[in-house]
Amino acid sequence: MNKKILLLSYRLGYSSLIYWDNILSSLQKEFNYLRVFTAWGPLSTKDKKVTTEEKLKGIKYYTNVDKINQKLYFLPLPFFLKDIIAYKPEVIVINEFNLVNFYTLFFRFLYRKTKILLLVESDPYIGQSLPVKNSFRKIYRRYIVKKVDKILTNNEIGKQYLVNYLNTDSKKIIAQPYLASFPDGDYIPKDSEKEIVNFLYVGQLVEAKGIKLLLEVLKSFSEEERKYIHFDLVGGGKLYDYIQDYIQAEKLDFVTCHGLVPFTEISKFYNNADCFILPTLSDYRALVGFEALHYGCAVIDTIYDGAKFEVVEEGKNGYIIDPDDFEQFRDSILSLSKNREKRIRFQEKSLEKSKSFTYDICNGNIINAIKEL
């Protein structure tokens, strides 16, 4: 289709586009004319057909420089509007609720033919207290959802956030998955006869991911229980040294912390894993769960993951637990480690569920939402 599409997003990746690579390639193939404005870049898709443009200029500043809790803040400025005016896209896709979107709505006030699609991953406050009632952030977000033409959110949790918290007209909302993750590498069938059951965690090694709670649970296992399980922890973060010291001090010989591993090498860990565990205390919508489905792992997720109901069917391919409930946490691991038939059944169900989150399906949901406009 010879339509002009523009995607505006603060950031779509660091050294590579990762999750957005396939999405951008599909959009370009479908609509021919696609431009992507970001605040960092440029980054190119693997097929080299889409390159992001560093058009979102602004003020970037850091707090706690050179410290573990260093943070980057970005205040965009409206200079990019002249590029939008020159391009005159038929549809603008905006990502979440940053200040760029406010400026974009001002452009639409001037050029009313342009339609706007807002992407919202899920409920951003999973595992957190909601902001103060009638806070500026809430008022601002309600303004954004009121002014856009259509909203695409990945799941029902996102839809309920939009409807119940932001008072969004439900007719504007499409609740279908548009973002998932699949590391490079083919799925290798699990060895159901092996004696050791391999559990895997992939993600940041930070307290918000529930890593300390996981270690406390693992510490409680008896010598007999430890004989038949192994845990691989993959990721980087400020708890790396803490974890290594804890493993040594508590003699957790069945736990290996691998540290940061390139995304291109993650598949070997998923293929080796029988079960995947995400003990998170707060996650907008963790994409690692979809990776675990893709590689046929039974899954233990928590009530604080915005993707929990997409990834887990309780008692069919895994468990959704409260990570603060020590006994529930512990029992979920032992249930999968001790019951081979259940574990195999859960793994087969995960593979079946993964078919609902292919790139073709997720990309198609964004493409169809744009076409509706």
Protein backbone atom coordinates (compact mmCIF):
# COMPACT_ATOMS: atom_id res chain seq x y z
CA MET A 1 0.00 0.00 0.00
CA ASN A 2 1.35 3.44 -0.93
CA LYS A 3 0.52 5.04 2.40
CA LYS A 4 2.77 7.31 4.45
CA ILE A 5 3.24 5.91 7.96
CA LEU A 6 5.28 7.53 10.73
CA LEU A 7 6.30 5.83 13.99
CA LEU A 8 7.40 8.08 16.86
CA SER A 9 9.14 6.48 19.83
CA TYR A 10 11.56 7.71 22.47
CA ARG A 11 13.70 4.56 22.03
CA LEU A 12 13.29 1.23 20.23
CA GLY A 13 16.54 -0.41 21.28
CA TYR A 14 20.13 0.21 22.29
CA SER A 15 22.76 -1.35 20.03
CA SER A 16 20.06 -3.05 17.94
CA LEU A 17 16.29 -2.90 17.43
CA ILE A 18 15.76 -6.35 19.05
CA TYR A 19 11.98 -6.65 19.54
CA TRP A 20 11.11 -3.98 16.96
CA ASP A 21 13.22 -5.26 14.07
CA ASN A 22 10.59 -7.62 12.68
CA ILE A 23 7.75 -5.16 13.32
CA LEU A 24 9.42 -2.36 11.35
CA SER A 25 10.31 -4.66 8.46
CA SER A 26 6.71 -5.84 8.23
CA LEU A 27 5.33 -2.29 8.32
CA GLN A 28 7.69 -1.18 5.57
CA LYS A 29 6.76 -4.16 3.42
CA GLU A 30 3.04 -3.50 3.86
CA PHE A 31 2.94 0.29 3.48
CA ASN A 32 6.03 1.13 1.37
CA TYR A 33 6.47 4.57 2.95
CA LEU A 34 7.59 4.24 6.56
CA ARG A 35 9.70 6.60 8.64
CA VAL A 36 10.72 6.11 12.27
CA PHE A 37 11.71 9.05 14.49
CA THR A 38 13.55 8.32 17.75
CA ALA A 39 15.70 10.21 20.25
CA TRP A 40 18.67 7.88 19.72
CA GLY A 41 20.03 6.33 16.60
CA PRO A 42 20.25 5.57 13.88
CA LEU A 43 19.49 1.84 14.09
CA SER A 44 18.74 -0.35 11.07
CA THR A 45 16.68 -3.49 10.66
CA LYS A 46 18.51 -6.68 9.71
CA ASP A 47 17.27 -6.39 6.13
CA LYS A 48 18.56 -2.77 6.02
CA LYS A 49 15.24 -1.53 4.62
CA VAL A 50 14.33 0.60 7.64
CA THR A 51 16.66 2.94 9.51
CA THR A 52 15.51 5.01 12.44
CA GLU A 53 16.07 8.77 12.29
CA GLU A 54 17.32 10.74 15.27
CA LYS A 55 14.71 13.48 14.90
CA LEU A 56 13.42 13.70 18.48
CA LYS A 57 15.85 16.26 19.79
CA GLY A 58 15.79 17.50 23.34
CA ILE A 59 17.55 17.83 26.66
CA LYS A 60 19.17 14.64 27.98
CA TYR A 61 20.55 14.57 31.48
CA TYR A 62 21.66 12.00 34.04
CA THR A 63 21.23 11.75 37.79
CA ASN A 64 23.56 9.79 40.10
CA VAL A 65 26.27 9.74 37.42
CA ASP A 66 28.67 6.75 37.61
CA LYS A 67 26.54 5.11 40.31
CA ILE A 68 24.54 1.89 40.21
CA ASN A 69 21.24 3.79 40.28
CA GLN A 70 22.24 6.19 37.49
CA LYS A 71 19.19 7.35 35.53
CA LEU A 72 18.72 9.14 32.23
CA TYR A 73 15.98 11.71 31.73
CA PHE A 74 14.92 13.12 28.38
CA LEU A 75 12.92 16.27 27.78
CA PRO A 76 11.94 16.34 24.08
CA LEU A 77 11.58 19.64 22.23
CA PRO A 78 9.08 20.20 19.39
CA PHE A 79 11.59 20.76 16.58
CA PHE A 80 10.63 17.45 14.96
CA LEU A 81 7.22 18.88 14.02
CA LYS A 82 8.71 20.59 10.98
CA ASP A 83 9.76 17.16 9.67
CA ILE A 84 6.25 15.80 10.21
CA ILE A 85 4.74 18.80 8.43
CA ALA A 86 7.04 18.18 5.47
CA TYR A 87 6.26 14.43 5.40
CA LYS A 88 2.47 14.72 6.00
CA PRO A 89 1.89 11.10 7.07
CA GLU A 90 -1.56 9.56 6.79
CA VAL A 91 -1.12 7.63 10.04
CA ILE A 92 1.17 8.41 12.97
CA VAL A 93 1.89 5.59 15.42
CA ILE A 94 2.88 6.85 18.87
CA ASN A 95 4.33 4.65 21.61
CA GLU A 96 3.15 5.09 25.21
CA PHE A 97 2.68 8.49 26.87
CA ASN A 98 5.85 10.60 26.62
CA LEU A 99 5.81 14.33 25.87
CA VAL A 100 6.46 13.67 22.16
CA ASN A 101 2.82 12.61 21.90
CA PHE A 102 1.55 15.96 23.18
CA TYR A 103 3.49 17.76 20.45
CA THR A 104 2.18 15.27 17.88
CA LEU A 105 -1.41 16.04 18.81
CA PHE A 106 -0.64 19.72 18.19
CA PHE A 107 0.46 18.78 14.65
CA ARG A 108 -2.79 16.89 14.14
CA PHE A 109 -4.68 20.01 15.19
CA LEU A 110 -3.06 21.71 12.20
CA TYR A 111 -3.33 18.76 9.80
CA ARG A 112 -6.58 16.99 10.63
CA LYS A 113 -6.39 14.38 7.88
CA THR A 114 -3.71 12.49 9.79
CA LYS A 115 -4.92 9.67 12.05
CA ILE A 116 -3.15 8.65 15.24
CA LEU A 117 -2.69 5.14 16.65
CA LEU A 118 -1.48 4.86 20.25
CA LEU A 119 0.41 1.74 21.38
CA VAL A 120 0.08 0.81 25.07
CA GLU A 121 1.82 -2.39 26.18
CA SER A 122 -0.24 -3.16 29.30
CA ASP A 123 -1.07 -1.67 32.70
CA PRO A 124 2.14 0.20 33.65
CA TYR A 125 1.42 0.01 37.39
CA ILE A 126 1.44 -3.78 37.86
CA GLY A 127 3.07 -4.41 41.24
CA GLN A 128 3.08 -0.69 42.09
CA SER A 129 0.78 1.69 43.89
CA LEU A 130 -1.23 3.89 41.54
CA PRO A 131 -0.16 7.55 41.38
CA VAL A 132 -1.98 10.12 43.48
CA LYS A 133 -5.58 10.49 42.38
CA ASN A 134 -6.03 13.29 39.82
CA SER A 135 -2.26 13.69 39.53
CA PHE A 136 -0.87 15.59 36.55
CA ARG A 137 0.28 12.31 34.98
CA LYS A 138 -3.23 10.90 35.13
CA ILE A 139 -4.77 14.07 33.67
CA TYR A 140 -2.17 14.13 30.90
CA ARG A 141 -2.73 10.48 29.95
CA ARG A 142 -6.51 10.95 29.91
CA TYR A 143 -6.00 13.84 27.50
CA ILE A 144 -3.85 11.70 25.18
CA VAL A 145 -6.29 8.76 25.03
CA LYS A 146 -9.17 11.15 24.40
CA LYS A 147 -7.47 12.77 21.41
CA VAL A 148 -6.04 9.73 19.57
CA ASP A 149 -8.15 7.84 17.03
CA LYS A 150 -7.35 4.25 18.01
CA ILE A 151 -5.44 2.44 20.76
CA LEU A 152 -3.76 -0.95 20.44
CA THR A 153 -2.89 -2.72 23.68
CA ASN A 154 -1.50 -6.22 24.07
CA ASN A 155 -3.98 -7.72 26.51
CA GLU A 156 -7.09 -7.37 28.65
CA ILE A 157 -5.04 -6.00 31.56
CA GLY A 158 -4.00 -3.11 29.34
CA LYS A 159 -7.59 -2.60 28.22
CA GLN A 160 -8.88 -2.49 31.79
CA TYR A 161 -6.22 0.08 32.69
CA LEU A 162 -7.31 2.25 29.77
CA VAL A 163 -11.02 1.94 30.51
CA ASN A 164 -11.08 1.95 34.32
CA TYR A 165 -8.17 4.25 35.14
CA LEU A 166 -8.02 6.58 32.13
CA ASN A 167 -11.75 6.55 31.29
CA THR A 168 -11.03 5.61 27.68
CA ASP A 169 -13.90 4.94 25.27
CA SER A 170 -13.74 1.14 24.88
CA LYS A 171 -14.72 1.47 21.19
CA LYS A 172 -11.30 2.99 20.55
CA ILE A 173 -9.42 0.04 22.01
CA ILE A 174 -8.11 -3.06 20.26
CA ALA A 175 -6.78 -5.64 22.73
CA GLN A 176 -4.51 -7.89 20.68
CA PRO A 177 -0.82 -8.75 21.10
CA TYR A 178 1.57 -6.68 19.01
CA LEU A 179 4.85 -7.17 20.87
CA ALA A 180 6.55 -10.48 21.67
CA SER A 181 10.09 -11.81 21.68
CA PHE A 182 11.80 -14.75 20.01
CA PRO A 183 15.59 -15.08 20.34
CA ASP A 184 17.43 -16.48 17.33
CA GLY A 185 17.74 -20.25 17.31
CA ASP A 186 15.52 -23.23 16.55
CA TYR A 187 13.57 -25.07 19.21
CA ILE A 188 15.13 -28.39 20.24
CA PRO A 189 12.72 -30.92 21.82
CA LYS A 190 13.25 -31.51 25.55
CA ASP A 191 14.84 -34.68 26.88
CA SER A 192 12.07 -35.93 29.14
CA GLU A 193 14.12 -38.86 30.44
CA LYS A 194 17.00 -36.91 31.96
CA GLU A 195 17.43 -37.03 35.71
CA ILE A 196 18.13 -33.35 36.38
CA VAL A 197 15.34 -30.81 35.86
CA ASN A 198 16.72 -27.49 34.60
CA PHE A 199 15.10 -24.22 35.68
CA LEU A 200 15.97 -20.93 34.00
CA TYR A 201 15.69 -17.24 34.84
CA VAL A 202 16.48 -14.61 32.19
CA GLY A 203 16.40 -10.91 33.01
CA GLN A 204 17.98 -8.15 35.04
CA LEU A 205 19.63 -9.12 38.30
CA VAL A 206 17.86 -6.49 40.41
CA GLU A 207 15.63 -6.63 43.47
CA ALA A 208 12.49 -5.70 41.52
CA LYS A 209 12.76 -9.02 39.70
CA GLY A 210 12.37 -10.97 42.97
CA ILE A 211 15.83 -12.53 42.77
CA LYS A 212 16.45 -12.35 46.53
CA LEU A 213 13.14 -14.09 47.24
CA LEU A 214 14.07 -16.81 44.75
CA LEU A 215 17.42 -17.38 46.45
CA GLU A 216 15.72 -17.68 49.84
CA VAL A 217 13.42 -20.36 48.43
CA LEU A 218 16.33 -22.26 46.87
CA LYS A 219 18.21 -22.13 50.16
CA SER A 220 15.32 -23.99 51.82
CA PHE A 221 15.60 -27.08 49.63
CA SER A 222 16.86 -30.23 51.32
CA GLU A 223 19.94 -32.09 50.10
CA GLU A 224 17.65 -34.70 48.55
CA GLU A 225 15.57 -32.08 46.71
CA ARG A 226 18.70 -30.36 45.42
CA LYS A 227 19.92 -33.54 43.73
CA TYR A 228 17.34 -33.34 40.96
CA ILE A 229 17.23 -29.64 40.06
CA HIS A 230 19.57 -27.08 38.55
CA PHE A 231 18.99 -23.33 38.22
CA ASP A 232 20.58 -21.08 35.60
CA LEU A 233 20.39 -17.32 36.17
CA VAL A 234 21.12 -15.28 33.04
CA GLY A 235 21.38 -11.50 33.04
CA GLY A 236 23.30 -8.50 34.25
CA GLY A 237 22.63 -6.10 37.08
CA LYS A 238 23.72 -4.71 40.41
CA LEU A 239 22.91 -7.96 42.28
CA TYR A 240 25.42 -10.03 40.30
CA ASP A 241 28.14 -9.95 42.99
CA TYR A 242 25.53 -10.43 45.74
CA ILE A 243 24.21 -13.55 44.00
CA GLN A 244 27.67 -15.04 43.52
CA ASP A 245 28.50 -14.46 47.18
CA TYR A 246 25.14 -15.89 48.27
CA ILE A 247 25.61 -19.04 46.17
CA GLN A 248 29.03 -19.61 47.72
CA ALA A 249 28.01 -18.80 51.30
CA GLU A 250 24.91 -21.00 51.24
CA LYS A 251 26.59 -23.76 49.21
CA LEU A 252 23.97 -23.61 46.44
CA ASP A 253 25.96 -25.81 44.10
CA PHE A 254 22.87 -26.41 41.98
CA VAL A 255 22.65 -22.70 41.02
CA THR A 256 24.80 -21.07 38.32
CA CYS A 257 24.78 -17.31 37.67
CA HIS A 258 26.04 -16.73 34.13
CA GLY A 259 25.84 -12.94 34.11
CA LEU A 260 25.04 -10.98 30.98
CA VAL A 261 24.72 -13.09 27.82
CA PRO A 262 24.29 -11.66 24.28
CA PHE A 263 20.71 -11.89 22.99
CA THR A 264 21.94 -13.99 20.06
CA GLU A 265 23.16 -16.69 22.48
CA ILE A 266 20.13 -16.88 24.78
CA SER A 267 18.44 -19.68 22.82
CA LYS A 268 20.88 -22.31 24.07
CA PHE A 269 19.75 -21.65 27.65
CA TYR A 270 16.06 -21.89 26.74
CA ASN A 271 16.65 -25.12 24.84
CA ASN A 272 18.45 -26.57 27.86
CA ALA A 273 15.69 -25.49 30.25
CA ASP A 274 12.71 -27.60 31.24
CA CYS A 275 11.04 -24.85 33.25
CA PHE A 276 11.22 -21.07 33.23
CA ILE A 277 10.74 -18.90 36.30
CA LEU A 278 10.09 -15.16 36.55
CA PRO A 279 9.83 -14.18 40.24
CA THR A 280 9.19 -10.51 39.43
CA LEU A 281 7.79 -8.03 41.93
CA SER A 282 6.93 -5.48 39.25
CA ASP A 283 6.90 -5.88 35.48
CA TYR A 284 4.99 -3.81 32.94
CA ARG A 285 4.80 -6.75 30.50
CA ALA A 286 7.79 -9.07 30.61
CA LEU A 287 8.74 -10.43 27.18
CA VAL A 288 10.89 -13.26 28.52
CA GLY A 289 7.76 -15.30 29.19
CA PHE A 290 7.00 -15.38 25.46
CA GLU A 291 10.54 -16.57 24.82
CA ALA A 292 9.96 -19.39 27.30
CA LEU A 293 6.75 -20.41 25.49
CA HIS A 294 8.59 -20.42 22.17
CA TYR A 295 11.12 -22.90 23.57
CA GLY A 296 8.52 -25.15 25.18
CA CYS A 297 9.21 -24.45 28.87
CA ALA A 298 6.77 -24.93 31.71
CA VAL A 299 6.41 -21.46 33.28
CA ILE A 300 6.23 -20.06 36.81
CA ASP A 301 5.18 -16.40 36.66
CA THR A 302 3.93 -14.00 39.32
CA ILE A 303 0.88 -11.87 39.93
CA TYR A 304 3.05 -8.80 39.29
CA ASP A 305 3.73 -9.43 35.60
CA GLY A 306 1.51 -7.59 33.12
CA ALA A 307 1.84 -10.55 30.71
CA LYS A 308 0.90 -13.25 33.21
CA PHE A 309 -2.45 -14.19 31.68
CA GLU A 310 -1.02 -14.24 28.18
CA VAL A 311 1.87 -16.50 29.14
CA VAL A 312 0.34 -18.80 31.74
CA GLU A 313 -2.85 -20.83 31.86
CA GLU A 314 -2.93 -21.76 35.53
CA GLY A 315 -2.42 -25.48 36.02
CA LYS A 316 -2.12 -26.13 32.28
CA ASN A 317 1.29 -24.85 31.30
CA GLY A 318 2.46 -23.34 34.59
CA TYR A 319 1.61 -21.41 37.73
CA ILE A 320 0.97 -17.78 38.64
CA ILE A 321 2.23 -17.25 42.17
CA ASP A 322 2.57 -14.54 44.78
CA PRO A 323 6.36 -14.33 45.23
CA ASP A 324 5.87 -13.14 48.81
CA ASP A 325 4.08 -16.40 49.63
CA PHE A 326 7.11 -18.53 50.51
CA GLU A 327 5.32 -21.88 50.63
CA GLN A 328 3.45 -21.30 47.36
CA PHE A 329 6.68 -20.23 45.70
CA ARG A 330 8.54 -23.29 46.97
CA ASP A 331 5.74 -25.74 46.16
CA SER A 332 5.45 -24.50 42.56
CA ILE A 333 9.09 -25.37 41.92
CA LEU A 334 8.90 -28.77 43.60
CA SER A 335 5.65 -29.58 41.78
CA LEU A 336 7.42 -29.25 38.42
CA SER A 337 10.67 -30.86 39.50
CA LYS A 338 9.06 -33.97 40.98
CA ASN A 339 6.26 -34.69 38.50
CA ARG A 340 7.63 -35.66 35.08
CA GLU A 341 4.21 -36.27 33.48
CA LYS A 342 2.91 -32.88 34.57
CA ARG A 343 6.08 -31.17 33.41
CA ILE A 344 5.83 -32.73 29.94
CA ARG A 345 2.15 -31.80 29.72
CA PHE A 346 2.93 -28.20 30.69
CA GLN A 347 5.74 -28.00 28.13
CA GLU A 348 3.48 -29.22 25.34
CA LYS A 349 0.85 -26.65 26.32
CA SER A 350 3.46 -23.87 26.26
CA LEU A 351 4.42 -24.79 22.70
CA GLU A 352 0.75 -24.71 21.73
CA LYS A 353 0.30 -21.28 23.35
CA SER A 354 3.35 -19.91 21.55
CA LYS A 355 1.47 -20.23 18.26
CA SER A 356 -0.72 -17.28 19.34
CA PHE A 357 2.30 -14.98 19.59
CA THR A 358 4.16 -15.46 16.32
CA TYR A 359 5.67 -12.51 14.49
CA ASP A 360 3.08 -12.89 11.73
CA ILE A 361 0.22 -12.58 14.22
CA CYS A 362 1.71 -9.72 16.25
CA ASN A 363 2.80 -7.74 13.18
CA GLY A 364 -0.57 -8.38 11.57
CA ASN A 365 -2.34 -6.85 14.57
CA ILE A 366 -0.44 -3.56 14.17
CA ILE A 367 -0.94 -3.56 10.40
CA ASN A 368 -4.69 -4.19 10.76
CA ALA A 369 -5.02 -1.43 13.38
CA ILE A 370 -3.36 1.02 10.99
CA LYS A 371 -5.58 -0.12 8.13
CA GLU A 372 -8.68 0.50 10.27
CA LEU A 373 -7.64 4.15 10.35
